[in-house]
Amino acid sequence: MSTQAVETAGKAVPAMAMTAQVSRSARWLGRVLSGVVILFMLFDGAVKLVPWPIVTETMDRMGYGSSESLARSLGAISLVCTLLYAIPPTSFVGAILLTGYLGGAMASHVRLGSPLFSHVLFGFYLGVMVWGGLWLRDRKLRALMPLRS
């Protein structure tokens, strides 16, 4: 690939990002969706940082043991991923990390045979809100993944 092709490709992405407009209502809907996910995940992480008996008992029932250090570790991971998602310059990385975190939660519920729509797919619902909220509020992501051509 020539140097000129690389330079042209590098210029095309910013130009494409500038053309993907975000309406005011879409941006606010994205902020609301992202805000709901952020609040839920902050609560989830905080509850695990202070491992109340219900947290350790639930982890034990899920087969992870009643380890307070594991609960604190999961809480810290959850909070770091959520904070990365909440900060606009790192929101894309945070969304990727939250997707992995929520996928792990879904896998745990599949392994246990939990109810599909209320437990197993809850991580999927949150993941859709994570990416939907980010897509609605981020012009660059809209340019990268347009719904129409």
C-alpha atoms as a PDB file:
ATOM      1  CA  MET A   1       0.000   0.000   0.000  1.00  0.00           C
ATOM      2  CA  SER A   2       1.446   3.347  -0.991  1.00  0.00           C
ATOM      3  CA  THR A   3       2.024   6.267   1.354  1.00  0.00           C
ATOM      4  CA  GLN A   4      -0.537   8.321  -0.551  1.00  0.00           C
ATOM      5  CA  ALA A   5      -3.230   5.622  -0.075  1.00  0.00           C
ATOM      6  CA  VAL A   6      -2.542   5.523   3.663  1.00  0.00           C
ATOM      7  CA  GLU A   7      -2.761   9.314   3.915  1.00  0.00           C
ATOM      8  CA  THR A   8      -5.998   9.344   1.920  1.00  0.00           C
ATOM      9  CA  ALA A   9      -7.529   6.602   4.080  1.00  0.00           C
ATOM     10  CA  GLY A  10      -6.521   8.489   7.224  1.00  0.00           C
ATOM     11  CA  LYS A  11      -8.231  11.641   5.963  1.00  0.00           C
ATOM     12  CA  ALA A  12     -11.394   9.804   4.911  1.00  0.00           C
ATOM     13  CA  VAL A  13     -12.374   8.719   8.415  1.00  0.00           C
ATOM     14  CA  PRO A  14     -12.417  12.221   9.966  1.00  0.00           C
ATOM     15  CA  ALA A  15     -14.266  13.566   6.915  1.00  0.00           C
ATOM     16  CA  MET A  16     -16.804  10.752   7.191  1.00  0.00           C
ATOM     17  CA  ALA A  17     -17.223  11.406  10.919  1.00  0.00           C
ATOM     18  CA  MET A  18     -18.036  15.037  10.241  1.00  0.00           C
ATOM     19  CA  THR A  19     -20.867  14.126   7.836  1.00  0.00           C
ATOM     20  CA  ALA A  20     -22.666  11.806  10.278  1.00  0.00           C
ATOM     21  CA  GLN A  21     -24.946  14.307  11.967  1.00  0.00           C
ATOM     22  CA  VAL A  22     -26.557  13.651  15.330  1.00  0.00           C
ATOM     23  CA  SER A  23     -29.843  15.399  16.035  1.00  0.00           C
ATOM     24  CA  ARG A  24     -30.389  17.033  19.391  1.00  0.00           C
ATOM     25  CA  SER A  25     -33.135  14.573  20.374  1.00  0.00           C
ATOM     26  CA  ALA A  26     -30.990  11.566  19.388  1.00  0.00           C
ATOM     27  CA  ARG A  27     -28.073  12.910  21.392  1.00  0.00           C
ATOM     28  CA  TRP A  28     -30.280  13.357  24.477  1.00  0.00           C
ATOM     29  CA  LEU A  29     -31.851   9.923  24.088  1.00  0.00           C
ATOM     30  CA  GLY A  30     -28.338   8.490  23.874  1.00  0.00           C
ATOM     31  CA  ARG A  31     -27.330  10.362  27.013  1.00  0.00           C
ATOM     32  CA  VAL A  32     -30.394   9.070  28.869  1.00  0.00           C
ATOM     33  CA  LEU A  33     -29.788   5.453  27.776  1.00  0.00           C
ATOM     34  CA  SER A  34     -26.110   5.720  28.682  1.00  0.00           C
ATOM     35  CA  GLY A  35     -26.997   7.379  31.979  1.00  0.00           C
ATOM     36  CA  VAL A  36     -29.334   4.535  32.967  1.00  0.00           C
ATOM     37  CA  VAL A  37     -26.614   1.970  32.227  1.00  0.00           C
ATOM     38  CA  ILE A  38     -23.982   4.028  34.065  1.00  0.00           C
ATOM     39  CA  LEU A  39     -26.168   4.410  37.166  1.00  0.00           C
ATOM     40  CA  PHE A  40     -27.018   0.707  37.219  1.00  0.00           C
ATOM     41  CA  MET A  41     -23.400  -0.371  36.749  1.00  0.00           C
ATOM     42  CA  LEU A  42     -22.140   2.099  39.394  1.00  0.00           C
ATOM     43  CA  PHE A  43     -24.671   0.665  41.844  1.00  0.00           C
ATOM     44  CA  ASP A  44     -23.700  -2.890  40.862  1.00  0.00           C
ATOM     45  CA  GLY A  45     -19.996  -2.173  41.334  1.00  0.00           C
ATOM     46  CA  ALA A  46     -20.502  -0.339  44.622  1.00  0.00           C
ATOM     47  CA  VAL A  47     -22.573  -3.184  46.076  1.00  0.00           C
ATOM     48  CA  LYS A  48     -19.788  -5.614  45.211  1.00  0.00           C
ATOM     49  CA  LEU A  49     -17.088  -3.386  46.698  1.00  0.00           C
ATOM     50  CA  VAL A  50     -18.856  -3.587  50.047  1.00  0.00           C
ATOM     51  CA  PRO A  51     -19.624  -7.302  49.864  1.00  0.00           C
ATOM     52  CA  TRP A  52     -22.879  -7.512  51.734  1.00  0.00           C
ATOM     53  CA  PRO A  53     -24.000 -11.025  52.676  1.00  0.00           C
ATOM     54  CA  ILE A  54     -26.492 -11.094  49.792  1.00  0.00           C
ATOM     55  CA  VAL A  55     -23.622 -10.563  47.322  1.00  0.00           C
ATOM     56  CA  THR A  56     -21.424 -13.336  48.700  1.00  0.00           C
ATOM     57  CA  GLU A  57     -24.410 -15.706  49.118  1.00  0.00           C
ATOM     58  CA  THR A  58     -25.460 -15.137  45.508  1.00  0.00           C
ATOM     59  CA  MET A  59     -21.908 -15.688  44.274  1.00  0.00           C
ATOM     60  CA  ASP A  60     -21.776 -18.918  46.276  1.00  0.00           C
ATOM     61  CA  ARG A  61     -25.085 -20.087  44.745  1.00  0.00           C
ATOM     62  CA  MET A  62     -23.685 -19.309  41.287  1.00  0.00           C
ATOM     63  CA  GLY A  63     -20.701 -21.548  41.978  1.00  0.00           C
ATOM     64  CA  TYR A  64     -18.007 -18.914  42.531  1.00  0.00           C
ATOM     65  CA  GLY A  65     -17.702 -19.366  46.294  1.00  0.00           C
ATOM     66  CA  SER A  66     -18.432 -16.738  48.892  1.00  0.00           C
ATOM     67  CA  SER A  67     -15.131 -14.926  48.434  1.00  0.00           C
ATOM     68  CA  GLU A  68     -15.208 -11.292  49.511  1.00  0.00           C
ATOM     69  CA  SER A  69     -11.999 -10.598  47.592  1.00  0.00           C
ATOM     70  CA  LEU A  70     -13.554 -11.922  44.368  1.00  0.00           C
ATOM     71  CA  ALA A  71     -16.621  -9.753  44.942  1.00  0.00           C
ATOM     72  CA  ARG A  72     -14.414  -6.695  45.480  1.00  0.00           C
ATOM     73  CA  SER A  73     -12.395  -7.525  42.363  1.00  0.00           C
ATOM     74  CA  LEU A  74     -15.542  -7.829  40.250  1.00  0.00           C
ATOM     75  CA  GLY A  75     -16.816  -4.575  41.726  1.00  0.00           C
ATOM     76  CA  ALA A  76     -13.578  -2.779  40.870  1.00  0.00           C
ATOM     77  CA  ILE A  77     -13.597  -4.167  37.313  1.00  0.00           C
ATOM     78  CA  SER A  78     -17.211  -3.125  36.893  1.00  0.00           C
ATOM     79  CA  LEU A  79     -16.503   0.394  38.142  1.00  0.00           C
ATOM     80  CA  VAL A  80     -13.420   0.858  35.946  1.00  0.00           C
ATOM     81  CA  CYS A  81     -15.297  -0.299  32.829  1.00  0.00           C
ATOM     82  CA  THR A  82     -18.234   1.947  33.688  1.00  0.00           C
ATOM     83  CA  LEU A  83     -16.045   4.987  34.314  1.00  0.00           C
ATOM     84  CA  LEU A  84     -14.284   4.440  30.997  1.00  0.00           C
ATOM     85  CA  TYR A  85     -17.702   4.289  29.324  1.00  0.00           C
ATOM     86  CA  ALA A  86     -18.872   7.455  31.086  1.00  0.00           C
ATOM     87  CA  ILE A  87     -15.915   9.583  29.927  1.00  0.00           C
ATOM     88  CA  PRO A  88     -16.545  10.637  26.291  1.00  0.00           C
ATOM     89  CA  PRO A  89     -12.986  10.194  24.923  1.00  0.00           C
ATOM     90  CA  THR A  90     -12.792   6.628  26.295  1.00  0.00           C
ATOM     91  CA  SER A  91     -16.453   5.646  25.899  1.00  0.00           C
ATOM     92  CA  PHE A  92     -15.749   3.318  22.963  1.00  0.00           C
ATOM     93  CA  VAL A  93     -13.182   1.328  24.968  1.00  0.00           C
ATOM     94  CA  GLY A  94     -15.539   1.305  27.955  1.00  0.00           C
ATOM     95  CA  ALA A  95     -18.364  -0.048  25.782  1.00  0.00           C
ATOM     96  CA  ILE A  96     -16.138  -2.873  24.547  1.00  0.00           C
ATOM     97  CA  LEU A  97     -15.085  -3.756  28.111  1.00  0.00           C
ATOM     98  CA  LEU A  98     -18.666  -3.581  29.420  1.00  0.00           C
ATOM     99  CA  THR A  99     -19.744  -5.895  26.587  1.00  0.00           C
ATOM    100  CA  GLY A 100     -17.218  -8.471  27.760  1.00  0.00           C
ATOM    101  CA  TYR A 101     -18.241  -8.055  31.392  1.00  0.00           C
ATOM    102  CA  LEU A 102     -21.933  -8.457  30.566  1.00  0.00           C
ATOM    103  CA  GLY A 103     -21.152 -11.441  28.325  1.00  0.00           C
ATOM    104  CA  GLY A 104     -19.504 -13.138  31.296  1.00  0.00           C
ATOM    105  CA  ALA A 105     -22.601 -12.519  33.388  1.00  0.00           C
ATOM    106  CA  MET A 106     -24.776 -14.022  30.647  1.00  0.00           C
ATOM    107  CA  ALA A 107     -22.514 -17.075  30.413  1.00  0.00           C
ATOM    108  CA  SER A 108     -22.806 -17.597  34.163  1.00  0.00           C
ATOM    109  CA  HIS A 109     -26.599 -17.574  33.955  1.00  0.00           C
ATOM    110  CA  VAL A 110     -26.616 -19.933  30.962  1.00  0.00           C
ATOM    111  CA  ARG A 111     -24.405 -22.358  32.913  1.00  0.00           C
ATOM    112  CA  LEU A 112     -26.857 -22.307  35.823  1.00  0.00           C
ATOM    113  CA  GLY A 113     -29.939 -22.716  33.661  1.00  0.00           C
ATOM    114  CA  SER A 114     -31.437 -19.424  34.868  1.00  0.00           C
ATOM    115  CA  PRO A 115     -34.667 -18.104  33.325  1.00  0.00           C
ATOM    116  CA  LEU A 116     -33.992 -16.802  29.818  1.00  0.00           C
ATOM    117  CA  PHE A 117     -35.764 -13.441  29.598  1.00  0.00           C
ATOM    118  CA  SER A 118     -35.257 -12.201  33.155  1.00  0.00           C
ATOM    119  CA  HIS A 119     -31.733 -13.414  33.950  1.00  0.00           C
ATOM    120  CA  VAL A 120     -29.812 -14.694  30.937  1.00  0.00           C
ATOM    121  CA  LEU A 121     -30.806 -11.917  28.550  1.00  0.00           C
ATOM    122  CA  PHE A 122     -30.497  -9.101  31.116  1.00  0.00           C
ATOM    123  CA  GLY A 123     -26.855  -8.633  30.118  1.00  0.00           C
ATOM    124  CA  PHE A 124     -27.947  -8.506  26.480  1.00  0.00           C
ATOM    125  CA  TYR A 125     -30.522  -5.811  27.276  1.00  0.00           C
ATOM    126  CA  LEU A 126     -27.867  -3.748  29.036  1.00  0.00           C
ATOM    127  CA  GLY A 127     -25.444  -4.309  26.161  1.00  0.00           C
ATOM    128  CA  VAL A 128     -28.005  -3.031  23.664  1.00  0.00           C
ATOM    129  CA  MET A 129     -28.468   0.040  25.858  1.00  0.00           C
ATOM    130  CA  VAL A 130     -24.682   0.531  26.096  1.00  0.00           C
ATOM    131  CA  TRP A 131     -24.138   0.437  22.335  1.00  0.00           C
ATOM    132  CA  GLY A 132     -27.450   2.099  21.449  1.00  0.00           C
ATOM    133  CA  GLY A 133     -26.764   4.991  23.800  1.00  0.00           C
ATOM    134  CA  LEU A 134     -23.233   5.382  22.479  1.00  0.00           C
ATOM    135  CA  TRP A 135     -24.378   5.187  18.847  1.00  0.00           C
ATOM    136  CA  LEU A 136     -27.042   7.817  19.437  1.00  0.00           C
ATOM    137  CA  ARG A 137     -24.660  10.290  21.087  1.00  0.00           C
ATOM    138  CA  ASP A 138     -21.387   9.687  19.222  1.00  0.00           C
ATOM    139  CA  ARG A 139     -20.996  11.044  15.692  1.00  0.00           C
ATOM    140  CA  LYS A 140     -17.829   8.998  15.063  1.00  0.00           C
ATOM    141  CA  LEU A 141     -19.544   5.689  15.912  1.00  0.00           C
ATOM    142  CA  ARG A 142     -22.442   6.617  13.621  1.00  0.00           C
ATOM    143  CA  ALA A 143     -19.972   7.179  10.799  1.00  0.00           C
ATOM    144  CA  LEU A 144     -18.285   3.864  11.533  1.00  0.00           C
ATOM    145  CA  MET A 145     -21.570   1.900  11.722  1.00  0.00           C
ATOM    146  CA  PRO A 146     -24.247   3.692   9.700  1.00  0.00           C
ATOM    147  CA  LEU A 147     -27.739   2.195   9.670  1.00  0.00           C
ATOM    148  CA  ARG A 148     -28.221   3.245   6.053  1.00  0.00           C
ATOM    149  CA  SER A 149     -25.748   3.623   3.254  1.00  0.00           C
END
